[in-house]
Amino acid sequence: MKFTAIIISLCLLFQQPVQSQADWTLKKDKNGIKVFARKNKGFKFNELKVETLLEGKISQLAAVIFDVKNQKDWVYKTIKSELIKTVTTSDVFYYTEIEVPWPLDNRDMAVHMTVHQNPATKVMTIVAKNADDYLPPKKDKVRIKYSNATWIVTPVSHLQYKVEYRIQFDPGDDVPAWILNLFSTAGPYETFINLKEKLKQPQYAQIKFPSIID
């Protein structure tokens, strides 16, 4: 009986955080792209998740994402993206500016982005976090308070892979809910629609990303 009581207590102990974590809610399911949202404790704005299948090689995807200067072509509402520093081919810092509707000022941030691959499973993980202290604030721009994005890319076959993308994002306290809603569903969906087209461009098909094995 004493052993059973200990087991029950341990189960309740480990169950507690799970219950406090909100479930994902499906917000959009179209063209093979699923967008989810959930509320996380300690954050005012929802965490977002995208799930989809993409065609091609995973090194091709890494090449597109790390082509920082052209992120404005496919990342939703991005109007500027510039490389700041290359530590290695798989570790970079860059600057990005995001458009928001008038009368609010555009948002910006410095980002530290890295890529890692598990050599056994070939699962590729890309992490992009804001690096607040890397650049001083700019005039007429509001520095994003927090951004943490993760790409988990799992090969399904030689020319197909599953992507799970998550982002926790806080654009600042003065952003009203109706503006945030532009990002919560439309943002991730439009980004991945654009990404699918970007991946078809021949220059990326020819790129071999140095640290990634297809």
Protein backbone atom coordinates (compact mmCIF):
# COMPACT_ATOMS: atom_id res chain seq x y z
CA MET A 1 0.00 0.00 0.00
CA LYS A 2 2.82 2.37 0.89
CA PHE A 3 4.49 1.69 -2.51
CA THR A 4 1.19 2.29 -4.34
CA ALA A 5 0.72 5.61 -2.53
CA ILE A 6 4.21 6.74 -3.58
CA ILE A 7 3.49 5.86 -7.22
CA ILE A 8 0.20 7.78 -7.15
CA SER A 9 1.90 10.79 -5.56
CA LEU A 10 4.62 10.79 -8.22
CA CYS A 11 2.03 10.57 -10.99
CA LEU A 12 0.15 13.55 -9.58
CA LEU A 13 3.38 15.47 -9.20
CA PHE A 14 4.39 15.00 -12.83
CA GLN A 15 0.85 15.49 -14.05
CA GLN A 16 0.61 18.98 -12.57
CA PRO A 17 2.72 20.85 -15.18
CA VAL A 18 0.93 19.07 -17.98
CA GLN A 19 -2.44 20.28 -16.72
CA SER A 20 -1.16 23.86 -16.39
CA GLN A 21 0.00 23.82 -20.04
CA ALA A 22 -2.81 24.87 -22.40
CA ASP A 23 -3.70 22.58 -25.29
CA TRP A 24 -3.03 23.58 -28.88
CA THR A 25 -6.05 24.98 -30.75
CA LEU A 26 -6.18 24.54 -34.53
CA LYS A 27 -6.68 28.00 -36.08
CA LYS A 28 -6.22 27.25 -39.79
CA ASP A 29 -5.93 24.14 -41.95
CA LYS A 30 -5.49 24.89 -45.63
CA ASN A 31 -3.21 23.81 -48.49
CA GLY A 32 -1.47 21.28 -46.26
CA ILE A 33 -0.53 23.94 -43.69
CA LYS A 34 -1.88 23.71 -40.14
CA VAL A 35 -1.61 26.69 -37.79
CA PHE A 36 -2.14 26.19 -34.05
CA ALA A 37 -2.14 28.56 -31.07
CA ARG A 38 -2.05 28.17 -27.32
CA LYS A 39 -1.74 30.34 -24.23
CA ASN A 40 1.42 29.96 -22.18
CA LYS A 41 1.71 31.03 -18.56
CA GLY A 42 3.77 34.19 -18.19
CA PHE A 43 3.15 35.40 -21.75
CA LYS A 44 0.54 37.91 -22.86
CA PHE A 45 0.52 36.67 -26.45
CA ASN A 46 -0.17 33.17 -27.72
CA GLU A 47 2.51 30.72 -28.78
CA LEU A 48 2.03 29.67 -32.40
CA LYS A 49 2.82 26.39 -34.16
CA VAL A 50 2.84 25.40 -37.82
CA GLU A 51 2.88 21.83 -39.13
CA THR A 52 3.37 20.96 -42.79
CA LEU A 53 5.12 18.67 -45.28
CA LEU A 54 7.58 20.20 -47.72
CA GLU A 55 9.19 18.82 -50.86
CA GLY A 56 12.93 18.78 -51.55
CA LYS A 57 16.04 18.38 -49.44
CA ILE A 58 16.42 19.68 -45.91
CA SER A 59 19.67 21.43 -46.87
CA GLN A 60 17.58 23.38 -49.39
CA LEU A 61 15.32 24.63 -46.59
CA ALA A 62 18.34 25.62 -44.48
CA ALA A 63 19.74 27.52 -47.44
CA VAL A 64 16.53 29.53 -47.83
CA ILE A 65 16.24 30.35 -44.11
CA PHE A 66 19.90 31.37 -43.80
CA ASP A 67 19.66 33.54 -46.92
CA VAL A 68 18.94 36.41 -44.56
CA LYS A 69 18.97 39.28 -47.05
CA ASN A 70 16.05 37.70 -48.95
CA GLN A 71 13.84 36.84 -45.97
CA LYS A 72 11.75 39.88 -46.83
CA ASP A 73 10.59 37.98 -49.92
CA TRP A 74 8.74 35.33 -47.93
CA VAL A 75 8.56 36.11 -44.17
CA TYR A 76 5.25 37.83 -43.41
CA LYS A 77 5.42 41.64 -43.05
CA THR A 78 9.23 41.65 -43.11
CA ILE A 79 10.40 44.74 -44.98
CA LYS A 80 14.13 44.56 -44.23
CA SER A 81 16.58 41.84 -43.25
CA GLU A 82 20.34 42.30 -43.14
CA LEU A 83 23.20 40.08 -42.08
CA ILE A 84 25.15 41.50 -39.15
CA LYS A 85 27.74 38.83 -38.46
CA THR A 86 28.61 35.32 -39.61
CA VAL A 87 30.15 33.29 -36.79
CA THR A 88 30.08 30.12 -38.90
CA THR A 89 27.88 28.98 -41.78
CA SER A 90 25.49 27.55 -39.17
CA ASP A 91 25.65 30.45 -36.67
CA VAL A 92 24.69 33.99 -37.69
CA PHE A 93 23.38 37.29 -36.33
CA TYR A 94 21.04 39.43 -38.41
CA TYR A 95 18.77 42.47 -38.21
CA THR A 96 15.13 42.45 -39.25
CA GLU A 97 12.37 45.06 -39.46
CA ILE A 98 8.67 44.14 -39.40
CA GLU A 99 5.93 46.36 -40.74
CA VAL A 100 2.93 47.15 -38.54
CA PRO A 101 -0.07 49.31 -39.51
CA TRP A 102 -0.04 53.07 -38.98
CA PRO A 103 -0.08 54.87 -36.54
CA LEU A 104 2.21 52.42 -34.72
CA ASP A 105 5.94 52.32 -35.39
CA ASN A 106 7.51 49.35 -37.14
CA ARG A 107 9.09 46.66 -34.98
CA ASP A 108 12.70 45.53 -35.24
CA MET A 109 15.20 43.22 -33.58
CA ALA A 110 18.57 41.60 -33.83
CA VAL A 111 18.36 37.83 -34.16
CA HIS A 112 20.81 35.06 -33.30
CA MET A 113 20.15 32.02 -35.48
CA THR A 114 21.79 28.60 -35.37
CA VAL A 115 21.26 25.25 -37.06
CA HIS A 116 22.08 21.78 -35.73
CA GLN A 117 21.51 18.31 -37.11
CA ASN A 118 21.30 15.02 -35.25
CA PRO A 119 23.74 12.81 -37.21
CA ALA A 120 21.83 9.62 -36.37
CA THR A 121 18.27 10.71 -37.20
CA LYS A 122 19.15 13.58 -39.59
CA VAL A 123 16.58 15.73 -37.78
CA MET A 124 17.51 19.37 -38.30
CA THR A 125 16.78 22.03 -35.68
CA ILE A 126 17.00 25.75 -36.37
CA VAL A 127 16.68 28.17 -33.46
CA ALA A 128 16.25 31.93 -33.91
CA LYS A 129 16.13 34.15 -30.79
CA ASN A 130 16.15 37.89 -30.33
CA ALA A 131 19.53 39.26 -29.23
CA ASP A 132 18.52 42.46 -27.43
CA ASP A 133 21.98 43.68 -26.51
CA TYR A 134 23.53 43.10 -29.92
CA LEU A 135 22.34 46.36 -31.53
CA PRO A 136 21.29 49.70 -29.97
CA PRO A 137 17.68 50.82 -30.50
CA LYS A 138 16.93 52.66 -33.74
CA LYS A 139 15.00 55.89 -34.13
CA ASP A 140 11.32 55.49 -35.04
CA LYS A 141 11.47 51.71 -34.45
CA VAL A 142 10.17 49.74 -31.48
CA ARG A 143 12.46 46.94 -30.39
CA ILE A 144 10.64 43.60 -30.10
CA LYS A 145 10.52 42.52 -26.47
CA TYR A 146 10.83 38.79 -27.03
CA SER A 147 11.02 36.33 -29.90
CA ASN A 148 11.96 32.65 -29.81
CA ALA A 149 11.39 30.53 -32.90
CA THR A 150 12.27 26.88 -33.46
CA TRP A 151 12.17 24.79 -36.64
CA ILE A 152 12.19 21.00 -36.17
CA VAL A 153 12.67 19.38 -39.57
CA THR A 154 12.26 15.61 -39.82
CA PRO A 155 13.07 13.74 -43.07
CA VAL A 156 10.22 11.54 -44.29
CA SER A 157 11.93 10.42 -47.49
CA HIS A 158 14.86 11.59 -49.58
CA LEU A 159 12.81 14.42 -51.08
CA GLN A 160 10.17 15.11 -48.45
CA TYR A 161 10.31 16.30 -44.85
CA LYS A 162 7.98 17.27 -42.03
CA VAL A 163 8.32 20.73 -40.52
CA GLU A 164 7.17 21.75 -37.06
CA TYR A 165 7.68 25.46 -36.50
CA ARG A 166 7.01 27.15 -33.16
CA ILE A 167 7.28 30.78 -32.14
CA GLN A 168 6.64 32.70 -28.93
CA PHE A 169 6.52 36.37 -29.82
CA ASP A 170 5.95 39.61 -27.92
CA PRO A 171 5.93 42.70 -30.18
CA GLY A 172 5.50 45.14 -27.28
CA ASP A 173 2.86 46.24 -24.79
CA ASP A 174 1.36 48.95 -27.01
CA VAL A 175 0.25 46.52 -29.73
CA PRO A 176 -3.55 46.08 -29.56
CA ALA A 177 -5.18 42.69 -29.99
CA TRP A 178 -6.49 43.39 -33.50
CA ILE A 179 -2.97 43.97 -34.80
CA LEU A 180 -1.65 40.86 -33.08
CA ASN A 181 -4.40 38.89 -34.83
CA LEU A 182 -2.78 39.78 -38.15
CA PHE A 183 0.17 37.63 -37.09
CA SER A 184 -1.64 34.89 -35.18
CA THR A 185 -3.20 33.18 -38.22
CA ALA A 186 -2.38 35.08 -41.40
CA GLY A 187 1.29 35.53 -40.51
CA PRO A 188 2.38 31.89 -40.18
CA TYR A 189 0.12 30.73 -42.99
CA GLU A 190 1.25 33.35 -45.50
CA THR A 191 4.89 32.80 -44.52
CA PHE A 192 4.69 29.09 -45.32
CA ILE A 193 2.77 29.66 -48.56
CA ASN A 194 5.57 32.02 -49.62
CA LEU A 195 8.21 29.58 -48.39
CA LYS A 196 6.84 26.78 -50.58
CA GLU A 197 7.26 29.02 -53.62
CA LYS A 198 10.70 30.19 -52.52
CA LEU A 199 11.91 26.60 -52.23
CA LYS A 200 11.10 26.07 -55.93
CA GLN A 201 13.63 28.68 -57.04
CA PRO A 202 16.49 26.91 -58.86
CA GLN A 203 19.32 28.64 -57.00
CA TYR A 204 18.31 26.94 -53.74
CA ALA A 205 17.99 23.52 -55.33
CA GLN A 206 21.67 23.73 -56.26
CA ILE A 207 22.91 24.83 -52.83
CA LYS A 208 24.56 22.32 -50.54
CA PHE A 209 24.37 23.64 -46.99
CA PRO A 210 27.77 22.78 -45.44
CA SER A 211 26.69 21.44 -42.06
CA ILE A 212 23.58 19.52 -43.18
CA ILE A 213 23.47 15.97 -44.54
CA ASP A 214 20.44 15.18 -46.71
